[in-house]
C-alpha atoms as a PDB file:
ATOM      1  CA  MET A   1     113.603  92.240 102.249  1.00  0.00           C
ATOM      2  CA  ASP A   2     116.012  93.368 104.822  1.00  0.00           C
ATOM      3  CA  GLY A   3     115.884  97.176 105.451  1.00  0.00           C
ATOM      4  CA  SER A   4     118.808  97.165 107.887  1.00  0.00           C
ATOM      5  CA  ARG A   5     121.259  97.966 105.111  1.00  0.00           C
ATOM      6  CA  HIS A   6     119.533 100.795 103.904  1.00  0.00           C
ATOM      7  CA  THR A   7     119.105 103.328 106.742  1.00  0.00           C
ATOM      8  CA  SER A   8     118.279 107.076 106.379  1.00  0.00           C
ATOM      9  CA  GLN A   9     121.399 108.138 108.764  1.00  0.00           C
ATOM     10  CA  PRO A  10     121.780 111.977 108.890  1.00  0.00           C
ATOM     11  CA  ASP A  11     124.815 111.811 106.722  1.00  0.00           C
ATOM     12  CA  SER A  12     122.658 110.399 103.811  1.00  0.00           C
ATOM     13  CA  VAL A  13     120.604 113.673 104.202  1.00  0.00           C
ATOM     14  CA  LYS A  14     123.319 116.177 104.892  1.00  0.00           C
ATOM     15  CA  ARG A  15     126.192 114.858 102.512  1.00  0.00           C
ATOM     16  CA  PHE A  16     124.908 116.885  99.678  1.00  0.00           C
ATOM     17  CA  SER A  17     124.175 120.262 101.503  1.00  0.00           C
ATOM     18  CA  LYS A  18     127.726 121.911 100.199  1.00  0.00           C
ATOM     19  CA  ARG A  19     127.353 120.297  96.513  1.00  0.00           C
ATOM     20  CA  ALA A  20     123.458 121.195  96.174  1.00  0.00           C
ATOM     21  CA  ASP A  21     124.512 124.018  93.427  1.00  0.00           C
ATOM     22  CA  LEU A  22     126.984 121.590  91.777  1.00  0.00           C
ATOM     23  CA  TYR A  23     124.469 119.137  91.866  1.00  0.00           C
ATOM     24  CA  ASP A  24     121.733 121.354  90.163  1.00  0.00           C
ATOM     25  CA  ARG A  25     123.901 122.764  87.709  1.00  0.00           C
ATOM     26  CA  TYR A  26     125.753 119.568  86.515  1.00  0.00           C
ATOM     27  CA  ARG A  27     124.017 116.486  87.327  1.00  0.00           C
ATOM     28  CA  PRO A  28     122.435 114.827  83.990  1.00  0.00           C
ATOM     29  CA  ASP A  29     118.612 115.171  83.477  1.00  0.00           C
ATOM     30  CA  TYR A  30     116.285 112.367  82.378  1.00  0.00           C
ATOM     31  CA  PRO A  31     115.261 111.113  78.774  1.00  0.00           C
ATOM     32  CA  SER A  32     111.838 112.510  77.686  1.00  0.00           C
ATOM     33  CA  ASP A  33     110.926 109.052  76.602  1.00  0.00           C
ATOM     34  CA  LEU A  34     110.795 107.946  80.081  1.00  0.00           C
ATOM     35  CA  PHE A  35     108.326 110.620  81.314  1.00  0.00           C
ATOM     36  CA  LEU A  36     106.075 109.891  78.345  1.00  0.00           C
ATOM     37  CA  PHE A  37     106.213 106.311  78.972  1.00  0.00           C
ATOM     38  CA  LEU A  38     105.541 106.837  82.801  1.00  0.00           C
ATOM     39  CA  TYR A  39     102.701 109.285  82.471  1.00  0.00           C
ATOM     40  CA  LYS A  40     101.166 106.664  80.071  1.00  0.00           C
ATOM     41  CA  GLU A  41     101.567 103.691  82.118  1.00  0.00           C
ATOM     42  CA  ALA A  42     101.010 105.019  85.763  1.00  0.00           C
ATOM     43  CA  VAL A  43      98.597 108.118  85.693  1.00  0.00           C
ATOM     44  CA  ARG A  44      94.997 107.395  84.862  1.00  0.00           C
ATOM     45  CA  SER A  45      93.597 110.914  85.323  1.00  0.00           C
ATOM     46  CA  LYS A  46      94.522 114.596  86.005  1.00  0.00           C
ATOM     47  CA  GLU A  47      93.532 114.327  89.888  1.00  0.00           C
ATOM     48  CA  GLN A  48      95.896 111.987  90.851  1.00  0.00           C
ATOM     49  CA  VAL A  49      98.465 112.973  93.328  1.00  0.00           C
ATOM     50  CA  ILE A  50     102.150 112.219  92.354  1.00  0.00           C
ATOM     51  CA  VAL A  51     105.027 112.472  95.046  1.00  0.00           C
ATOM     52  CA  ASP A  52     108.601 112.939  94.229  1.00  0.00           C
ATOM     53  CA  LEU A  53     110.491 111.491  96.963  1.00  0.00           C
ATOM     54  CA  ALA A  54     113.850 112.464  98.078  1.00  0.00           C
ATOM     55  CA  ALA A  55     113.685 115.076  95.158  1.00  0.00           C
ATOM     56  CA  GLY A  56     116.889 116.807  95.634  1.00  0.00           C
ATOM     57  CA  THR A  57     117.097 119.999  93.305  1.00  0.00           C
ATOM     58  CA  GLY A  58     113.887 119.178  91.540  1.00  0.00           C
ATOM     59  CA  ILE A  59     115.830 117.727  88.398  1.00  0.00           C
ATOM     60  CA  PHE A  60     113.480 114.738  88.002  1.00  0.00           C
ATOM     61  CA  SER A  61     110.207 116.744  89.414  1.00  0.00           C
ATOM     62  CA  HIS A  62     110.717 119.344  86.718  1.00  0.00           C
ATOM     63  CA  PRO A  63     109.408 117.667  83.622  1.00  0.00           C
ATOM     64  CA  MET A  64     106.474 116.324  85.856  1.00  0.00           C
ATOM     65  CA  ALA A  65     105.431 119.809  87.052  1.00  0.00           C
ATOM     66  CA  SER A  66     104.063 120.506  83.671  1.00  0.00           C
ATOM     67  CA  TRP A  67     101.696 117.347  83.996  1.00  0.00           C
ATOM     68  CA  PRO A  68      97.980 118.515  84.921  1.00  0.00           C
ATOM     69  CA  ASN A  69      98.251 116.310  88.178  1.00  0.00           C
ATOM     70  CA  PRO A  70      98.958 117.686  91.789  1.00  0.00           C
ATOM     71  CA  LEU A  71     102.538 117.149  92.429  1.00  0.00           C
ATOM     72  CA  TYR A  72     104.184 117.127  95.835  1.00  0.00           C
ATOM     73  CA  VAL A  73     107.968 117.463  96.114  1.00  0.00           C
ATOM     74  CA  VAL A  74     109.647 115.712  99.211  1.00  0.00           C
ATOM     75  CA  GLU A  75     113.178 116.768 100.137  1.00  0.00           C
ATOM     76  CA  PRO A  76     114.746 116.504 103.748  1.00  0.00           C
ATOM     77  CA  ASN A  77     117.820 118.764 102.721  1.00  0.00           C
ATOM     78  CA  GLU A  78     117.075 122.422 103.075  1.00  0.00           C
ATOM     79  CA  ALA A  79     119.864 123.520 100.709  1.00  0.00           C
ATOM     80  CA  MET A  80     118.780 121.293  97.986  1.00  0.00           C
ATOM     81  CA  GLN A  81     114.839 121.977  98.734  1.00  0.00           C
ATOM     82  CA  ALA A  82     115.555 125.647  98.172  1.00  0.00           C
ATOM     83  CA  ILE A  83     117.036 125.200  94.898  1.00  0.00           C
ATOM     84  CA  ALA A  84     114.057 122.973  93.952  1.00  0.00           C
ATOM     85  CA  ARG A  85     111.753 125.806  95.016  1.00  0.00           C
ATOM     86  CA  LYS A  86     113.372 128.202  92.530  1.00  0.00           C
ATOM     87  CA  ARG A  87     113.798 125.430  89.812  1.00  0.00           C
ATOM     88  CA  LEU A  88     110.063 125.025  89.962  1.00  0.00           C
ATOM     89  CA  ILE A  89     108.887 128.631  90.759  1.00  0.00           C
ATOM     90  CA  GLU A  90     106.910 129.021  87.848  1.00  0.00           C
ATOM     91  CA  PHE A  91     104.532 125.922  88.766  1.00  0.00           C
ATOM     92  CA  GLY A  92     102.461 127.438  91.516  1.00  0.00           C
ATOM     93  CA  GLU A  93     100.620 124.307  92.015  1.00  0.00           C
ATOM     94  CA  VAL A  94     103.383 122.499  93.242  1.00  0.00           C
ATOM     95  CA  LYS A  95     103.649 121.793  96.809  1.00  0.00           C
ATOM     96  CA  PHE A  96     107.033 121.172  98.999  1.00  0.00           C
ATOM     97  CA  PHE A  97     107.593 119.046 101.889  1.00  0.00           C
ATOM     98  CA  GLN A  98     110.613 118.189 104.136  1.00  0.00           C
ATOM     99  CA  GLY A  99     109.693 114.805 104.838  1.00  0.00           C
ATOM    100  CA  THR A 100     111.567 111.622 104.164  1.00  0.00           C
ATOM    101  CA  ALA A 101     110.246 108.366 102.453  1.00  0.00           C
ATOM    102  CA  GLU A 102     110.023 106.740 105.913  1.00  0.00           C
ATOM    103  CA  GLN A 103     108.023 109.870 107.434  1.00  0.00           C
ATOM    104  CA  LEU A 104     105.878 111.569 105.144  1.00  0.00           C
ATOM    105  CA  ASP A 105     103.769 114.627 106.409  1.00  0.00           C
ATOM    106  CA  LEU A 106     100.563 113.531 104.323  1.00  0.00           C
ATOM    107  CA  PRO A 107      97.302 112.132 104.909  1.00  0.00           C
ATOM    108  CA  ALA A 108      96.734 108.404 104.636  1.00  0.00           C
ATOM    109  CA  HIS A 109      95.598 107.186 101.171  1.00  0.00           C
ATOM    110  CA  SER A 110      96.142 110.224  99.253  1.00  0.00           C
ATOM    111  CA  VAL A 111      98.959 109.544  96.961  1.00  0.00           C
ATOM    112  CA  ASP A 112      98.442 107.818  93.605  1.00  0.00           C
ATOM    113  CA  LEU A 113     102.031 107.701  92.119  1.00  0.00           C
ATOM    114  CA  PHE A 114     105.233 107.782  94.014  1.00  0.00           C
ATOM    115  CA  THR A 115     108.632 108.494  92.207  1.00  0.00           C
ATOM    116  CA  VAL A 116     112.294 108.182  93.429  1.00  0.00           C
ATOM    117  CA  ALA A 117     115.426 109.114  91.210  1.00  0.00           C
ATOM    118  CA  GLN A 118     118.760 108.375  92.305  1.00  0.00           C
ATOM    119  CA  ALA A 119     118.005 107.855  95.975  1.00  0.00           C
ATOM    120  CA  PHE A 120     116.383 104.746  96.924  1.00  0.00           C
ATOM    121  CA  HIS A 121     119.555 103.103  98.194  1.00  0.00           C
ATOM    122  CA  TRP A 122     119.428 105.794 100.725  1.00  0.00           C
ATOM    123  CA  PHE A 123     116.082 104.576 102.092  1.00  0.00           C
ATOM    124  CA  ASP A 124     115.307 102.242 105.172  1.00  0.00           C
ATOM    125  CA  LEU A 125     113.512  99.746 102.922  1.00  0.00           C
ATOM    126  CA  LYS A 126     110.916  98.499 105.499  1.00  0.00           C
ATOM    127  CA  ALA A 127     110.054 101.477 107.068  1.00  0.00           C
ATOM    128  CA  THR A 128     109.656 103.033 103.439  1.00  0.00           C
ATOM    129  CA  LYS A 129     107.453 100.198 102.615  1.00  0.00           C
ATOM    130  CA  ALA A 130     105.146 100.656 105.386  1.00  0.00           C
ATOM    131  CA  GLU A 131     104.844 104.408 105.146  1.00  0.00           C
ATOM    132  CA  LEU A 132     104.129 104.385 101.441  1.00  0.00           C
ATOM    133  CA  LEU A 133     101.523 101.613 101.920  1.00  0.00           C
ATOM    134  CA  ARG A 134      99.893 104.010 104.492  1.00  0.00           C
ATOM    135  CA  VAL A 135      99.950 107.066 102.315  1.00  0.00           C
ATOM    136  CA  GLY A 136      99.115 105.288  99.031  1.00  0.00           C
ATOM    137  CA  THR A 137      95.817 104.960  97.667  1.00  0.00           C
ATOM    138  CA  LYS A 138      94.050 101.483  96.788  1.00  0.00           C
ATOM    139  CA  GLY A 139      96.140 101.073  93.322  1.00  0.00           C
ATOM    140  CA  ALA A 140      98.865 103.408  93.962  1.00  0.00           C
ATOM    141  CA  LYS A 141     102.474 102.704  92.096  1.00  0.00           C
ATOM    142  CA  LEU A 142     105.910 103.248  92.682  1.00  0.00           C
ATOM    143  CA  ALA A 143     108.535 104.330  90.066  1.00  0.00           C
ATOM    144  CA  ILE A 144     112.176 103.956  90.893  1.00  0.00           C
ATOM    145  CA  ILE A 145     114.690 105.210  88.346  1.00  0.00           C
ATOM    146  CA  TRP A 146     118.398 105.473  88.029  1.00  0.00           C
ATOM    147  CA  ASN A 147     120.771 107.030  85.586  1.00  0.00           C
ATOM    148  CA  TYR A 148     123.254 104.631  85.337  1.00  0.00           C
ATOM    149  CA  ARG A 149     126.588 105.741  83.902  1.00  0.00           C
ATOM    150  CA  LYS A 150     128.060 103.411  81.349  1.00  0.00           C
ATOM    151  CA  VAL A 151     131.491 102.311  81.641  1.00  0.00           C
ATOM    152  CA  GLN A 152     132.360 100.960  77.886  1.00  0.00           C
ATOM    153  CA  THR A 153     134.133 103.418  75.859  1.00  0.00           C
ATOM    154  CA  PRO A 154     137.837 104.174  76.422  1.00  0.00           C
ATOM    155  CA  PHE A 155     136.997 107.581  77.964  1.00  0.00           C
ATOM    156  CA  GLU A 156     134.312 106.191  80.288  1.00  0.00           C
ATOM    157  CA  ILE A 157     136.464 103.491  81.523  1.00  0.00           C
ATOM    158  CA  GLN A 158     139.433 105.803  82.094  1.00  0.00           C
ATOM    159  CA  TYR A 159     136.967 108.279  84.070  1.00  0.00           C
ATOM    160  CA  ASP A 160     135.371 105.606  86.087  1.00  0.00           C
ATOM    161  CA  ALA A 161     139.060 104.370  86.902  1.00  0.00           C
ATOM    162  CA  PHE A 162     139.530 108.478  87.952  1.00  0.00           C
ATOM    163  CA  ILE A 163     136.625 108.322  90.197  1.00  0.00           C
ATOM    164  CA  GLN A 164     137.691 105.317  91.825  1.00  0.00           C
ATOM    165  CA  ARG A 165     141.093 106.371  92.665  1.00  0.00           C
ATOM    166  CA  TYR A 166     139.793 109.561  94.258  1.00  0.00           C
ATOM    167  CA  SER A 167     136.684 108.059  95.905  1.00  0.00           C
ATOM    168  CA  GLN A 168     136.365 108.258  99.471  1.00  0.00           C
ATOM    169  CA  ASP A 169     133.192 105.897  99.385  1.00  0.00           C
ATOM    170  CA  TYR A 170     132.368 104.933  96.032  1.00  0.00           C
ATOM    171  CA  ASN A 171     130.512 101.813  97.025  1.00  0.00           C
ATOM    172  CA  GLN A 172     127.916 104.303  98.691  1.00  0.00           C
ATOM    173  CA  SER A 173     127.173 105.740  95.145  1.00  0.00           C
ATOM    174  CA  SER A 174     124.007 104.889  93.547  1.00  0.00           C
ATOM    175  CA  GLN A 175     125.905 102.951  90.666  1.00  0.00           C
ATOM    176  CA  GLN A 176     127.432 100.631  92.962  1.00  0.00           C
ATOM    177  CA  LYS A 177     124.294  99.934  95.505  1.00  0.00           C
ATOM    178  CA  MET A 178     121.704  99.531  92.810  1.00  0.00           C
ATOM    179  CA  ASN A 179     120.650  95.827  93.782  1.00  0.00           C
ATOM    180  CA  ARG A 180     117.785  94.387  91.581  1.00  0.00           C
ATOM    181  CA  GLU A 181     117.038  91.587  93.886  1.00  0.00           C
ATOM    182  CA  GLU A 182     116.192  94.141  96.817  1.00  0.00           C
ATOM    183  CA  LEU A 183     114.308  96.125  94.206  1.00  0.00           C
ATOM    184  CA  ILE A 184     111.872  93.013  93.263  1.00  0.00           C
ATOM    185  CA  ALA A 185     111.510  92.105  97.136  1.00  0.00           C
ATOM    186  CA  PHE A 186     110.497  95.757  97.875  1.00  0.00           C
ATOM    187  CA  PHE A 187     107.560  95.330  95.292  1.00  0.00           C
ATOM    188  CA  ASP A 188     106.767  91.591  96.407  1.00  0.00           C
ATOM    189  CA  PRO A 189     103.885  90.365  95.966  1.00  0.00           C
ATOM    190  CA  ALA A 190     103.553  92.686  92.925  1.00  0.00           C
ATOM    191  CA  GLU A 191     105.911  92.226  89.917  1.00  0.00           C
ATOM    192  CA  PRO A 192     107.341  95.598  88.586  1.00  0.00           C
ATOM    193  CA  LEU A 193     107.676  96.476  85.170  1.00  0.00           C
ATOM    194  CA  TYR A 194     111.278  97.154  84.037  1.00  0.00           C
ATOM    195  CA  LYS A 195     112.229  99.545  81.174  1.00  0.00           C
ATOM    196  CA  GLU A 196     115.388 101.018  79.838  1.00  0.00           C
ATOM    197  CA  PHE A 197     116.283 104.238  78.331  1.00  0.00           C
ATOM    198  CA  ALA A 198     119.139 105.193  76.463  1.00  0.00           C
ATOM    199  CA  HIS A 199     120.588 108.428  77.066  1.00  0.00           C
ATOM    200  CA  HIS A 200     123.659 110.475  76.533  1.00  0.00           C
ATOM    201  CA  GLU A 201     125.409 113.816  76.940  1.00  0.00           C
ATOM    202  CA  GLN A 202     128.092 115.787  75.331  1.00  0.00           C
ATOM    203  CA  LEU A 203     130.366 117.741  78.040  1.00  0.00           C
ATOM    204  CA  THR A 204     132.725 120.477  77.950  1.00  0.00           C
ATOM    205  CA  PHE A 205     135.329 120.519  80.472  1.00  0.00           C
ATOM    206  CA  GLU A 206     133.468 123.087  82.470  1.00  0.00           C
ATOM    207  CA  VAL A 207     130.395 120.797  82.829  1.00  0.00           C
ATOM    208  CA  LEU A 208     132.880 117.496  83.180  1.00  0.00           C
ATOM    209  CA  TRP A 209     134.492 119.115  86.125  1.00  0.00           C
ATOM    210  CA  GLY A 210     131.285 120.189  87.690  1.00  0.00           C
ATOM    211  CA  ARG A 211     129.722 117.043  87.589  1.00  0.00           C
ATOM    212  CA  THR A 212     132.707 115.267  89.280  1.00  0.00           C
ATOM    213  CA  GLN A 213     132.596 117.853  91.893  1.00  0.00           C
ATOM    214  CA  SER A 214     128.958 117.295  92.769  1.00  0.00           C
ATOM    215  CA  TYR A 215     129.604 113.617  93.659  1.00  0.00           C
ATOM    216  CA  SER A 216     129.318 113.292  97.414  1.00  0.00           C
ATOM    217  CA  PHE A 217     131.617 110.159  97.315  1.00  0.00           C
ATOM    218  CA  LEU A 218     134.702 112.386  96.022  1.00  0.00           C
ATOM    219  CA  PRO A 219     136.841 114.733  98.404  1.00  0.00           C
ATOM    220  CA  ASP A 220     136.009 118.473  98.035  1.00  0.00           C
ATOM    221  CA  ALA A 221     137.895 119.908  95.148  1.00  0.00           C
ATOM    222  CA  VAL A 222     139.812 122.352  97.307  1.00  0.00           C
ATOM    223  CA  GLY A 223     143.521 122.871  98.269  1.00  0.00           C
ATOM    224  CA  LEU A 224     146.390 120.331  96.843  1.00  0.00           C
ATOM    225  CA  LEU A 225     144.105 117.551  96.275  1.00  0.00           C
ATOM    226  CA  GLY A 226     141.500 119.451  94.247  1.00  0.00           C
ATOM    227  CA  ASP A 227     144.541 120.851  92.161  1.00  0.00           C
ATOM    228  CA  GLU A 228     145.551 117.273  91.500  1.00  0.00           C
ATOM    229  CA  MET A 229     142.064 116.190  90.761  1.00  0.00           C
ATOM    230  CA  GLN A 230     141.257 118.921  88.243  1.00  0.00           C
ATOM    231  CA  HIS A 231     144.885 118.580  86.554  1.00  0.00           C
ATOM    232  CA  ALA A 232     144.201 114.681  86.339  1.00  0.00           C
ATOM    233  CA  LEU A 233     140.660 115.173  84.807  1.00  0.00           C
ATOM    234  CA  GLN A 234     142.051 117.901  82.200  1.00  0.00           C
ATOM    235  CA  LEU A 235     144.699 115.459  80.917  1.00  0.00           C
ATOM    236  CA  LEU A 236     141.987 112.759  80.473  1.00  0.00           C
ATOM    237  CA  PHE A 237     139.436 115.239  78.962  1.00  0.00           C
ATOM    238  CA  THR A 238     142.176 116.375  76.399  1.00  0.00           C
ATOM    239  CA  GLU A 239     143.021 112.854  75.550  1.00  0.00           C
ATOM    240  CA  HIS A 240     139.597 112.063  74.700  1.00  0.00           C
ATOM    241  CA  GLU A 241     137.762 115.265  73.604  1.00  0.00           C
ATOM    242  CA  ILE A 242     136.481 115.786  70.200  1.00  0.00           C
ATOM    243  CA  ASP A 243     135.551 119.539  69.113  1.00  0.00           C
ATOM    244  CA  GLY A 244     135.846 120.642  72.958  1.00  0.00           C
ATOM    245  CA  LYS A 245     133.749 118.001  74.284  1.00  0.00           C
ATOM    246  CA  VAL A 246     133.584 114.310  75.440  1.00  0.00           C
ATOM    247  CA  LYS A 247     130.630 111.844  75.509  1.00  0.00           C
ATOM    248  CA  LEU A 248     128.904 110.097  78.411  1.00  0.00           C
ATOM    249  CA  ASN A 249     126.405 107.462  77.919  1.00  0.00           C
ATOM    250  CA  TYR A 250     123.723 106.691  80.269  1.00  0.00           C
ATOM    251  CA  LEU A 251     121.366 103.867  80.553  1.00  0.00           C
ATOM    252  CA  THR A 252     118.379 105.033  82.360  1.00  0.00           C
ATOM    253  CA  LYS A 253     116.357 102.300  84.384  1.00  0.00           C
ATOM    254  CA  MET A 254     112.984 102.188  85.493  1.00  0.00           C
ATOM    255  CA  TYR A 255     111.181  99.702  87.936  1.00  0.00           C
ATOM    256  CA  LEU A 256     107.363 100.694  87.812  1.00  0.00           C
ATOM    257  CA  GLY A 257     104.725  98.570  89.990  1.00  0.00           C
ATOM    258  CA  ASP A 258     102.098  98.498  92.293  1.00  0.00           C
ATOM    259  CA  LEU A 259     102.141  98.895  96.062  1.00  0.00           C
ATOM    260  CA  MET A 260     100.907  95.864  97.547  1.00  0.00           C
ATOM    261  CA  ALA A 261     101.266  94.512 100.964  1.00  0.00           C
ATOM    262  CA  ARG A 262     102.760  91.067 101.807  1.00  0.00           C
END
């Protein structure tokens, strides 16, 4: 397992600061079946402590906040954590921390389940594994989740081409950096369970444009370039919309396994 290619540089924390509100309003959620499966497979009692790593604005945390378990939301970006606090304000027992996966301000052997959605590719894998082993209880589990945007329908193919056309560093996106071999190596010597969940959304142009602006690998949608991007996306939307919406299909992927030292 080589952690050198997954370092938590300051940019990985700060790059979403300007887009936190867009991220919260327009990013996709996750299938309800995933949370039912995760709870059944990974939670054995209501006393078990759950930590959502790199939780962002709390999109993945929110369904877990309704579980009877203690939930700790960990997010290093101040802007995103502020939104997560508002999103989860009704759940008074949720606790917030501004740490990273590599350095958690939590006691040793205190966490039973770690989750991370859309962010594992930013972690320093070697440092993260050591820290999760320190903080995790005996038998602690880790769930790694991605919403993987499918590129199959004519609209999806053209939308992906649009993103690549304007992208500044598309190869840094989770869709491009997801690496099965590194995931399997991270769990070694345990073997993670792999599970897929189908997911789709019908998007108005407002939501599609908002989601597009939320991507950190695209330039800020201001000035002439922003106008050009919006116009190009509007043409694409108009070509494919049905009753004022376009469909994006997702495959939500989850790796769930025990945290074990080699």
